[in-house]
Amino acid sequence: MNLDATLRRVPGIVARRIAGETILVPVTKRAQEMGLFTLNEVGTFVWERLDGARPLAAIATELTEAFEVDAPRAGEDLLDFTRRLAEAGCAAEVEP
């Protein structure tokens, strides 16, 4: 996966905000195997943008503007985070 990839949230995962954090809750049997995933403010920002339409590069740019982080760091952190979401079954890459 690289910044040219586009990801989408996987059906069967519901996001709930609790006490300033977002909890990803599986609602299907397959998704239940992943357990819960807790997101901080930056993770929530990314999660909300995984719409299957915008490439990760565009989300990285939005991160630099919203959180005052430099572009290389935003890209590296975004790739690490989205890889973990994909491995947990919360997000999937959209085929071009």
C-alpha atoms as a PDB file:
ATOM      1  CA  MET A   1       0.000   0.000   0.000  1.00  0.00           C
ATOM      2  CA  ASN A   2       1.206   3.512  -0.796  1.00  0.00           C
ATOM      3  CA  LEU A   3      -0.206   7.044  -0.806  1.00  0.00           C
ATOM      4  CA  ASP A   4      -1.753   6.467  -4.242  1.00  0.00           C
ATOM      5  CA  ALA A   5      -4.075   3.855  -2.710  1.00  0.00           C
ATOM      6  CA  THR A   6      -7.694   4.610  -1.938  1.00  0.00           C
ATOM      7  CA  LEU A   7      -9.341   2.914   1.021  1.00  0.00           C
ATOM      8  CA  ARG A   8     -12.914   2.552   2.190  1.00  0.00           C
ATOM      9  CA  ARG A   9     -14.457   1.676   5.508  1.00  0.00           C
ATOM     10  CA  VAL A  10     -15.590  -1.954   5.573  1.00  0.00           C
ATOM     11  CA  PRO A  11     -19.312  -2.658   6.049  1.00  0.00           C
ATOM     12  CA  GLY A  12     -20.043  -4.251   9.387  1.00  0.00           C
ATOM     13  CA  ILE A  13     -17.979  -1.758  11.400  1.00  0.00           C
ATOM     14  CA  VAL A  14     -19.849   0.931  13.315  1.00  0.00           C
ATOM     15  CA  ALA A  15     -18.058   3.974  14.739  1.00  0.00           C
ATOM     16  CA  ARG A  16     -19.247   5.377  18.085  1.00  0.00           C
ATOM     17  CA  ARG A  17     -17.866   8.466  19.866  1.00  0.00           C
ATOM     18  CA  ILE A  18     -17.433   7.950  23.592  1.00  0.00           C
ATOM     19  CA  ALA A  19     -15.639  10.387  25.906  1.00  0.00           C
ATOM     20  CA  GLY A  20     -13.703  12.090  23.115  1.00  0.00           C
ATOM     21  CA  GLU A  21     -12.569   8.879  21.433  1.00  0.00           C
ATOM     22  CA  THR A  22     -14.050   6.909  18.587  1.00  0.00           C
ATOM     23  CA  ILE A  23     -14.603   3.208  19.109  1.00  0.00           C
ATOM     24  CA  LEU A  24     -14.939   0.965  16.066  1.00  0.00           C
ATOM     25  CA  VAL A  25     -17.465  -1.722  16.920  1.00  0.00           C
ATOM     26  CA  PRO A  26     -17.918  -4.841  14.784  1.00  0.00           C
ATOM     27  CA  VAL A  27     -21.541  -5.748  14.077  1.00  0.00           C
ATOM     28  CA  THR A  28     -21.056  -8.840  11.916  1.00  0.00           C
ATOM     29  CA  LYS A  29     -19.730 -12.220  12.971  1.00  0.00           C
ATOM     30  CA  ARG A  30     -16.647 -11.914  10.726  1.00  0.00           C
ATOM     31  CA  ALA A  31     -15.916  -8.445  12.062  1.00  0.00           C
ATOM     32  CA  GLN A  32     -16.287  -9.587  15.676  1.00  0.00           C
ATOM     33  CA  GLU A  33     -13.028 -11.488  15.315  1.00  0.00           C
ATOM     34  CA  MET A  34     -11.160  -8.173  15.124  1.00  0.00           C
ATOM     35  CA  GLY A  35     -12.238  -6.948  18.565  1.00  0.00           C
ATOM     36  CA  LEU A  36     -12.583  -3.236  19.313  1.00  0.00           C
ATOM     37  CA  PHE A  37     -10.417  -0.528  17.795  1.00  0.00           C
ATOM     38  CA  THR A  38     -10.110   2.820  19.618  1.00  0.00           C
ATOM     39  CA  LEU A  39      -9.244   5.958  17.658  1.00  0.00           C
ATOM     40  CA  ASN A  40      -7.868   9.264  18.923  1.00  0.00           C
ATOM     41  CA  GLU A  41      -8.658  12.605  17.276  1.00  0.00           C
ATOM     42  CA  VAL A  42      -6.270  12.052  14.366  1.00  0.00           C
ATOM     43  CA  GLY A  43      -7.447   8.479  13.846  1.00  0.00           C
ATOM     44  CA  THR A  44     -11.052   9.661  13.790  1.00  0.00           C
ATOM     45  CA  PHE A  45     -10.123  12.368  11.257  1.00  0.00           C
ATOM     46  CA  VAL A  46      -8.651   9.700   8.971  1.00  0.00           C
ATOM     47  CA  TRP A  47     -11.482   7.195   9.536  1.00  0.00           C
ATOM     48  CA  GLU A  48     -14.085   9.759   8.488  1.00  0.00           C
ATOM     49  CA  ARG A  49     -12.205  10.335   5.229  1.00  0.00           C
ATOM     50  CA  LEU A  50     -11.875   6.690   4.192  1.00  0.00           C
ATOM     51  CA  ASP A  51     -14.796   7.039   1.809  1.00  0.00           C
ATOM     52  CA  GLY A  52     -13.436   5.034  -1.117  1.00  0.00           C
ATOM     53  CA  ALA A  53     -13.169   8.184  -3.216  1.00  0.00           C
ATOM     54  CA  ARG A  54     -10.071  10.060  -2.096  1.00  0.00           C
ATOM     55  CA  PRO A  55      -6.551   8.675  -2.263  1.00  0.00           C
ATOM     56  CA  LEU A  56      -4.424   8.535   0.846  1.00  0.00           C
ATOM     57  CA  ALA A  57      -2.247  11.329  -0.594  1.00  0.00           C
ATOM     58  CA  ALA A  58      -5.222  13.694  -0.400  1.00  0.00           C
ATOM     59  CA  ILE A  59      -5.925  12.642   3.185  1.00  0.00           C
ATOM     60  CA  ALA A  60      -2.240  13.180   4.043  1.00  0.00           C
ATOM     61  CA  THR A  61      -2.501  16.713   2.693  1.00  0.00           C
ATOM     62  CA  GLU A  62      -5.582  17.337   4.812  1.00  0.00           C
ATOM     63  CA  LEU A  63      -3.694  16.009   7.850  1.00  0.00           C
ATOM     64  CA  THR A  64      -0.844  18.479   7.315  1.00  0.00           C
ATOM     65  CA  GLU A  65      -3.311  21.355   7.213  1.00  0.00           C
ATOM     66  CA  ALA A  66      -5.525  20.256  10.111  1.00  0.00           C
ATOM     67  CA  PHE A  67      -2.821  19.120  12.534  1.00  0.00           C
ATOM     68  CA  GLU A  68       0.205  21.215  11.545  1.00  0.00           C
ATOM     69  CA  VAL A  69       2.412  18.222  10.802  1.00  0.00           C
ATOM     70  CA  ASP A  70       4.981  18.083   8.007  1.00  0.00           C
ATOM     71  CA  ALA A  71       4.096  16.189   4.838  1.00  0.00           C
ATOM     72  CA  PRO A  72       6.613  13.313   5.127  1.00  0.00           C
ATOM     73  CA  ARG A  73       5.550  12.560   8.704  1.00  0.00           C
ATOM     74  CA  ALA A  74       1.850  12.774   7.828  1.00  0.00           C
ATOM     75  CA  GLY A  75       2.325  10.336   4.945  1.00  0.00           C
ATOM     76  CA  GLU A  76       4.333   7.829   6.991  1.00  0.00           C
ATOM     77  CA  ASP A  77       1.935   7.903   9.932  1.00  0.00           C
ATOM     78  CA  LEU A  78      -1.088   7.654   7.653  1.00  0.00           C
ATOM     79  CA  LEU A  79       0.308   4.602   5.874  1.00  0.00           C
ATOM     80  CA  ASP A  80       1.123   2.918   9.173  1.00  0.00           C
ATOM     81  CA  PHE A  81      -2.343   3.605  10.564  1.00  0.00           C
ATOM     82  CA  THR A  82      -4.263   2.548   7.448  1.00  0.00           C
ATOM     83  CA  ARG A  83      -2.222  -0.656   7.186  1.00  0.00           C
ATOM     84  CA  ARG A  84      -3.252  -1.503  10.745  1.00  0.00           C
ATOM     85  CA  LEU A  85      -6.896  -0.723   9.940  1.00  0.00           C
ATOM     86  CA  ALA A  86      -6.716  -2.976   6.882  1.00  0.00           C
ATOM     87  CA  GLU A  87      -5.035  -5.798   8.836  1.00  0.00           C
ATOM     88  CA  ALA A  88      -7.765  -5.556  11.478  1.00  0.00           C
ATOM     89  CA  GLY A  89     -10.470  -5.821   8.813  1.00  0.00           C
ATOM     90  CA  CYS A  90     -11.783  -2.276   9.323  1.00  0.00           C
ATOM     91  CA  ALA A  91     -10.722  -0.834   5.956  1.00  0.00           C
ATOM     92  CA  ALA A  92     -10.102  -2.209   2.483  1.00  0.00           C
ATOM     93  CA  GLU A  93      -8.275  -0.913  -0.545  1.00  0.00           C
ATOM     94  CA  VAL A  94     -10.472   0.117  -3.475  1.00  0.00           C
ATOM     95  CA  GLU A  95      -9.379  -1.381  -6.772  1.00  0.00           C
ATOM     96  CA  PRO A  96      -8.566   1.242  -9.420  1.00  0.00           C
END
